[in-house]
Amino acid sequence: MSAHNPHEPRLSYEAFAKTAAYAALLALGKSVDESGLEKPLTEIAKLRASQINGCAFCIQYHLTVARRLAVPAEKLDLVAAWREAGVFTPRELAALAWTEALTLTAGGPPSDADYAALLEVFSAEEAMHLTVAIGTINQWNRIAVALRFAPPLARAA
């Protein structure tokens, strides 16, 4: 029996990029990008969900995108400890809280209090688009982890 490399992709990102599923996920992302939500904010949320889900591919990808958007390094460095960091805006804090509520669902669905807190700084339409962004990154995370996409260390985001 041969040794199995637990880091070897089960399917390459490049192969996945040729599928209709990939196109559908991109379309969801594009809808959020076109919604008017701040791209740096959605990248921070995507980074946090990817950290929670242990998706190296998506962590690296969204760090690259966030850096290109000039998200301050101190924010990127502290996303994992966002509650204690003291560097995030009220909108970013609300987005990060909502990201965790939607990503850590084993304890149950987000509460009405979670949603009410989100609506203190986001309109209902913005909250919907943020929810789509978070749902989409969670789907990307699950696909990338299951198929073991290699982190895009040198790939342009």
C-alpha atoms as a PDB file:
ATOM      1  CA  MET A   1       0.000   0.000   0.000  1.00  0.00           C
ATOM      2  CA  SER A   2       1.490   3.336  -0.995  1.00  0.00           C
ATOM      3  CA  ALA A   3       1.752   6.276   1.347  1.00  0.00           C
ATOM      4  CA  HIS A   4      -0.860   8.948   0.714  1.00  0.00           C
ATOM      5  CA  ASN A   5       0.081  12.618   0.763  1.00  0.00           C
ATOM      6  CA  PRO A   6      -2.676  14.415   2.717  1.00  0.00           C
ATOM      7  CA  HIS A   7      -1.707  17.679   0.993  1.00  0.00           C
ATOM      8  CA  GLU A   8      -1.959  16.398  -2.563  1.00  0.00           C
ATOM      9  CA  PRO A   9      -4.958  17.933  -4.326  1.00  0.00           C
ATOM     10  CA  ARG A  10      -7.821  15.572  -5.061  1.00  0.00           C
ATOM     11  CA  LEU A  11      -8.707  17.880  -7.943  1.00  0.00           C
ATOM     12  CA  SER A  12      -6.728  20.889  -9.039  1.00  0.00           C
ATOM     13  CA  TYR A  13      -8.161  24.379  -8.805  1.00  0.00           C
ATOM     14  CA  GLU A  14      -7.469  24.699 -12.530  1.00  0.00           C
ATOM     15  CA  ALA A  15      -9.621  21.635 -13.268  1.00  0.00           C
ATOM     16  CA  PHE A  16     -12.408  22.932 -11.022  1.00  0.00           C
ATOM     17  CA  ALA A  17     -12.226  26.299 -12.818  1.00  0.00           C
ATOM     18  CA  LYS A  18     -13.492  24.570 -15.977  1.00  0.00           C
ATOM     19  CA  THR A  19     -16.801  23.534 -14.381  1.00  0.00           C
ATOM     20  CA  ALA A  20     -20.270  25.052 -14.279  1.00  0.00           C
ATOM     21  CA  ALA A  21     -20.083  24.965 -10.460  1.00  0.00           C
ATOM     22  CA  TYR A  22     -17.091  27.301 -10.589  1.00  0.00           C
ATOM     23  CA  ALA A  23     -18.952  29.682 -12.900  1.00  0.00           C
ATOM     24  CA  ALA A  24     -21.951  29.688 -10.561  1.00  0.00           C
ATOM     25  CA  LEU A  25     -19.804  30.509  -7.539  1.00  0.00           C
ATOM     26  CA  LEU A  26     -18.113  33.314  -9.475  1.00  0.00           C
ATOM     27  CA  ALA A  27     -21.528  34.702 -10.430  1.00  0.00           C
ATOM     28  CA  LEU A  28     -22.552  34.814  -6.765  1.00  0.00           C
ATOM     29  CA  GLY A  29     -19.337  36.633  -5.911  1.00  0.00           C
ATOM     30  CA  LYS A  30     -19.821  39.082  -8.761  1.00  0.00           C
ATOM     31  CA  SER A  31     -23.331  39.888  -7.540  1.00  0.00           C
ATOM     32  CA  VAL A  32     -21.878  40.882  -4.176  1.00  0.00           C
ATOM     33  CA  ASP A  33     -19.065  42.879  -5.786  1.00  0.00           C
ATOM     34  CA  GLU A  34     -21.652  44.798  -7.828  1.00  0.00           C
ATOM     35  CA  SER A  35     -23.897  45.424  -4.806  1.00  0.00           C
ATOM     36  CA  GLY A  36     -21.932  48.391  -3.533  1.00  0.00           C
ATOM     37  CA  LEU A  37     -20.646  46.708  -0.369  1.00  0.00           C
ATOM     38  CA  GLU A  38     -17.112  47.781   0.404  1.00  0.00           C
ATOM     39  CA  LYS A  39     -14.747  45.233  -1.144  1.00  0.00           C
ATOM     40  CA  PRO A  40     -12.186  45.524   1.706  1.00  0.00           C
ATOM     41  CA  LEU A  41     -14.969  44.706   4.182  1.00  0.00           C
ATOM     42  CA  THR A  42     -16.119  41.635   2.274  1.00  0.00           C
ATOM     43  CA  GLU A  43     -12.521  40.447   1.954  1.00  0.00           C
ATOM     44  CA  ILE A  44     -12.070  40.674   5.730  1.00  0.00           C
ATOM     45  CA  ALA A  45     -15.253  38.635   6.201  1.00  0.00           C
ATOM     46  CA  LYS A  46     -14.094  36.049   3.643  1.00  0.00           C
ATOM     47  CA  LEU A  47     -10.728  35.817   5.369  1.00  0.00           C
ATOM     48  CA  ARG A  48     -12.377  35.177   8.752  1.00  0.00           C
ATOM     49  CA  ALA A  49     -14.689  32.472   7.426  1.00  0.00           C
ATOM     50  CA  SER A  50     -11.739  30.827   5.688  1.00  0.00           C
ATOM     51  CA  GLN A  51      -9.748  30.871   8.940  1.00  0.00           C
ATOM     52  CA  ILE A  52     -12.626  29.230  10.813  1.00  0.00           C
ATOM     53  CA  ASN A  53     -13.012  26.597   8.112  1.00  0.00           C
ATOM     54  CA  GLY A  54      -9.276  25.901   7.901  1.00  0.00           C
ATOM     55  CA  CYS A  55      -9.118  26.606   4.175  1.00  0.00           C
ATOM     56  CA  ALA A  56      -5.494  27.392   3.328  1.00  0.00           C
ATOM     57  CA  PHE A  57      -6.347  28.023  -0.329  1.00  0.00           C
ATOM     58  CA  CYS A  58      -8.991  30.649   0.496  1.00  0.00           C
ATOM     59  CA  ILE A  59      -6.961  32.240   3.313  1.00  0.00           C
ATOM     60  CA  GLN A  60      -4.063  32.819   0.934  1.00  0.00           C
ATOM     61  CA  TYR A  61      -6.328  33.942  -1.898  1.00  0.00           C
ATOM     62  CA  HIS A  62      -8.233  36.507   0.194  1.00  0.00           C
ATOM     63  CA  LEU A  63      -5.085  37.779   1.902  1.00  0.00           C
ATOM     64  CA  THR A  64      -3.697  38.482  -1.572  1.00  0.00           C
ATOM     65  CA  VAL A  65      -6.870  40.270  -2.659  1.00  0.00           C
ATOM     66  CA  ALA A  66      -7.054  42.275   0.587  1.00  0.00           C
ATOM     67  CA  ARG A  67      -3.432  43.356   0.259  1.00  0.00           C
ATOM     68  CA  ARG A  68      -4.092  44.536  -3.305  1.00  0.00           C
ATOM     69  CA  LEU A  69      -7.016  46.549  -1.947  1.00  0.00           C
ATOM     70  CA  ALA A  70      -4.625  48.143   0.581  1.00  0.00           C
ATOM     71  CA  VAL A  71      -6.379  46.698   3.634  1.00  0.00           C
ATOM     72  CA  PRO A  72      -3.996  47.672   6.445  1.00  0.00           C
ATOM     73  CA  ALA A  73      -1.638  44.880   7.480  1.00  0.00           C
ATOM     74  CA  GLU A  74      -2.616  45.352  11.139  1.00  0.00           C
ATOM     75  CA  LYS A  75      -6.193  44.408  10.274  1.00  0.00           C
ATOM     76  CA  LEU A  76      -5.161  41.361   8.269  1.00  0.00           C
ATOM     77  CA  ASP A  77      -2.835  40.282  11.071  1.00  0.00           C
ATOM     78  CA  LEU A  78      -5.596  40.570  13.658  1.00  0.00           C
ATOM     79  CA  VAL A  79      -8.661  39.144  11.895  1.00  0.00           C
ATOM     80  CA  ALA A  80      -8.433  35.956  13.967  1.00  0.00           C
ATOM     81  CA  ALA A  81      -8.648  38.023  17.188  1.00  0.00           C
ATOM     82  CA  TRP A  82     -10.977  40.711  15.848  1.00  0.00           C
ATOM     83  CA  ARG A  83     -12.983  41.158  19.077  1.00  0.00           C
ATOM     84  CA  GLU A  84      -9.889  42.138  21.055  1.00  0.00           C
ATOM     85  CA  ALA A  85      -7.930  43.887  18.303  1.00  0.00           C
ATOM     86  CA  GLY A  86      -9.360  47.414  18.561  1.00  0.00           C
ATOM     87  CA  VAL A  87      -8.543  48.180  14.904  1.00  0.00           C
ATOM     88  CA  PHE A  88     -11.817  47.424  13.135  1.00  0.00           C
ATOM     89  CA  THR A  89     -14.607  49.851  12.227  1.00  0.00           C
ATOM     90  CA  PRO A  90     -18.159  49.312  13.505  1.00  0.00           C
ATOM     91  CA  ARG A  91     -19.157  47.944  10.075  1.00  0.00           C
ATOM     92  CA  GLU A  92     -16.202  45.563  10.036  1.00  0.00           C
ATOM     93  CA  LEU A  93     -16.986  44.397  13.575  1.00  0.00           C
ATOM     94  CA  ALA A  94     -20.607  43.753  12.643  1.00  0.00           C
ATOM     95  CA  ALA A  95     -19.554  41.932   9.464  1.00  0.00           C
ATOM     96  CA  LEU A  96     -17.102  39.766  11.399  1.00  0.00           C
ATOM     97  CA  ALA A  97     -19.730  38.920  14.026  1.00  0.00           C
ATOM     98  CA  TRP A  98     -22.220  37.989  11.284  1.00  0.00           C
ATOM     99  CA  THR A  99     -19.523  35.952   9.519  1.00  0.00           C
ATOM    100  CA  GLU A 100     -18.958  33.904  12.657  1.00  0.00           C
ATOM    101  CA  ALA A 101     -22.701  33.503  13.253  1.00  0.00           C
ATOM    102  CA  LEU A 102     -23.175  32.139   9.717  1.00  0.00           C
ATOM    103  CA  THR A 103     -20.015  30.022   9.682  1.00  0.00           C
ATOM    104  CA  LEU A 104     -20.204  28.442  13.143  1.00  0.00           C
ATOM    105  CA  THR A 105     -23.674  26.941  12.702  1.00  0.00           C
ATOM    106  CA  ALA A 106     -23.180  23.745  14.722  1.00  0.00           C
ATOM    107  CA  GLY A 107     -24.617  25.556  17.739  1.00  0.00           C
ATOM    108  CA  GLY A 108     -27.708  26.559  15.790  1.00  0.00           C
ATOM    109  CA  PRO A 109     -28.689  29.262  13.345  1.00  0.00           C
ATOM    110  CA  PRO A 110     -27.906  32.950  13.851  1.00  0.00           C
ATOM    111  CA  SER A 111     -30.219  34.499  16.412  1.00  0.00           C
ATOM    112  CA  ASP A 112     -32.575  37.434  15.977  1.00  0.00           C
ATOM    113  CA  ALA A 113     -30.208  39.364  18.250  1.00  0.00           C
ATOM    114  CA  ASP A 114     -27.314  38.595  15.876  1.00  0.00           C
ATOM    115  CA  TYR A 115     -29.321  39.910  12.945  1.00  0.00           C
ATOM    116  CA  ALA A 116     -30.545  42.971  14.857  1.00  0.00           C
ATOM    117  CA  ALA A 117     -26.928  43.838  15.705  1.00  0.00           C
ATOM    118  CA  LEU A 118     -26.039  43.573  12.019  1.00  0.00           C
ATOM    119  CA  LEU A 119     -28.893  45.910  11.071  1.00  0.00           C
ATOM    120  CA  GLU A 120     -27.550  48.555  13.448  1.00  0.00           C
ATOM    121  CA  VAL A 121     -24.802  49.292  10.890  1.00  0.00           C
ATOM    122  CA  PHE A 122     -26.029  47.701   7.634  1.00  0.00           C
ATOM    123  CA  SER A 123     -29.219  48.273   5.668  1.00  0.00           C
ATOM    124  CA  ALA A 124     -31.388  45.204   5.091  1.00  0.00           C
ATOM    125  CA  GLU A 125     -30.185  45.089   1.466  1.00  0.00           C
ATOM    126  CA  GLU A 126     -26.533  45.349   2.524  1.00  0.00           C
ATOM    127  CA  ALA A 127     -27.120  42.615   5.120  1.00  0.00           C
ATOM    128  CA  MET A 128     -28.549  40.378   2.398  1.00  0.00           C
ATOM    129  CA  HIS A 129     -25.519  40.929   0.149  1.00  0.00           C
ATOM    130  CA  LEU A 130     -23.153  40.330   3.066  1.00  0.00           C
ATOM    131  CA  THR A 131     -25.041  37.117   3.832  1.00  0.00           C
ATOM    132  CA  VAL A 132     -24.576  36.002   0.223  1.00  0.00           C
ATOM    133  CA  ALA A 133     -20.842  36.812   0.436  1.00  0.00           C
ATOM    134  CA  ILE A 134     -20.482  34.776   3.623  1.00  0.00           C
ATOM    135  CA  GLY A 135     -22.563  31.885   2.299  1.00  0.00           C
ATOM    136  CA  THR A 136     -20.506  31.843  -0.874  1.00  0.00           C
ATOM    137  CA  ILE A 137     -17.143  31.835   0.884  1.00  0.00           C
ATOM    138  CA  ASN A 138     -18.336  29.023   3.131  1.00  0.00           C
ATOM    139  CA  GLN A 139     -19.200  27.043   0.011  1.00  0.00           C
ATOM    140  CA  TRP A 140     -15.802  27.831  -1.534  1.00  0.00           C
ATOM    141  CA  ASN A 141     -14.117  26.757   1.725  1.00  0.00           C
ATOM    142  CA  ARG A 142     -15.908  23.433   1.811  1.00  0.00           C
ATOM    143  CA  ILE A 143     -15.092  22.694  -1.843  1.00  0.00           C
ATOM    144  CA  ALA A 144     -11.459  23.780  -1.555  1.00  0.00           C
ATOM    145  CA  VAL A 145     -10.899  21.807   1.674  1.00  0.00           C
ATOM    146  CA  ALA A 146     -12.634  18.683   0.329  1.00  0.00           C
ATOM    147  CA  LEU A 147     -10.719  18.760  -2.954  1.00  0.00           C
ATOM    148  CA  ARG A 148      -7.495  19.960  -1.278  1.00  0.00           C
ATOM    149  CA  PHE A 149      -6.829  22.905  -3.565  1.00  0.00           C
ATOM    150  CA  ALA A 150      -3.192  23.965  -3.183  1.00  0.00           C
ATOM    151  CA  PRO A 151      -2.817  27.499  -1.788  1.00  0.00           C
ATOM    152  CA  PRO A 152      -2.292  30.017  -4.597  1.00  0.00           C
ATOM    153  CA  LEU A 153       1.015  31.257  -3.221  1.00  0.00           C
ATOM    154  CA  ALA A 154       2.215  32.609  -6.536  1.00  0.00           C
ATOM    155  CA  ARG A 155      -1.072  32.742  -8.437  1.00  0.00           C
ATOM    156  CA  ALA A 156      -2.565  36.150  -9.172  1.00  0.00           C
ATOM    157  CA  ALA A 157      -5.852  36.636  -7.362  1.00  0.00           C
END
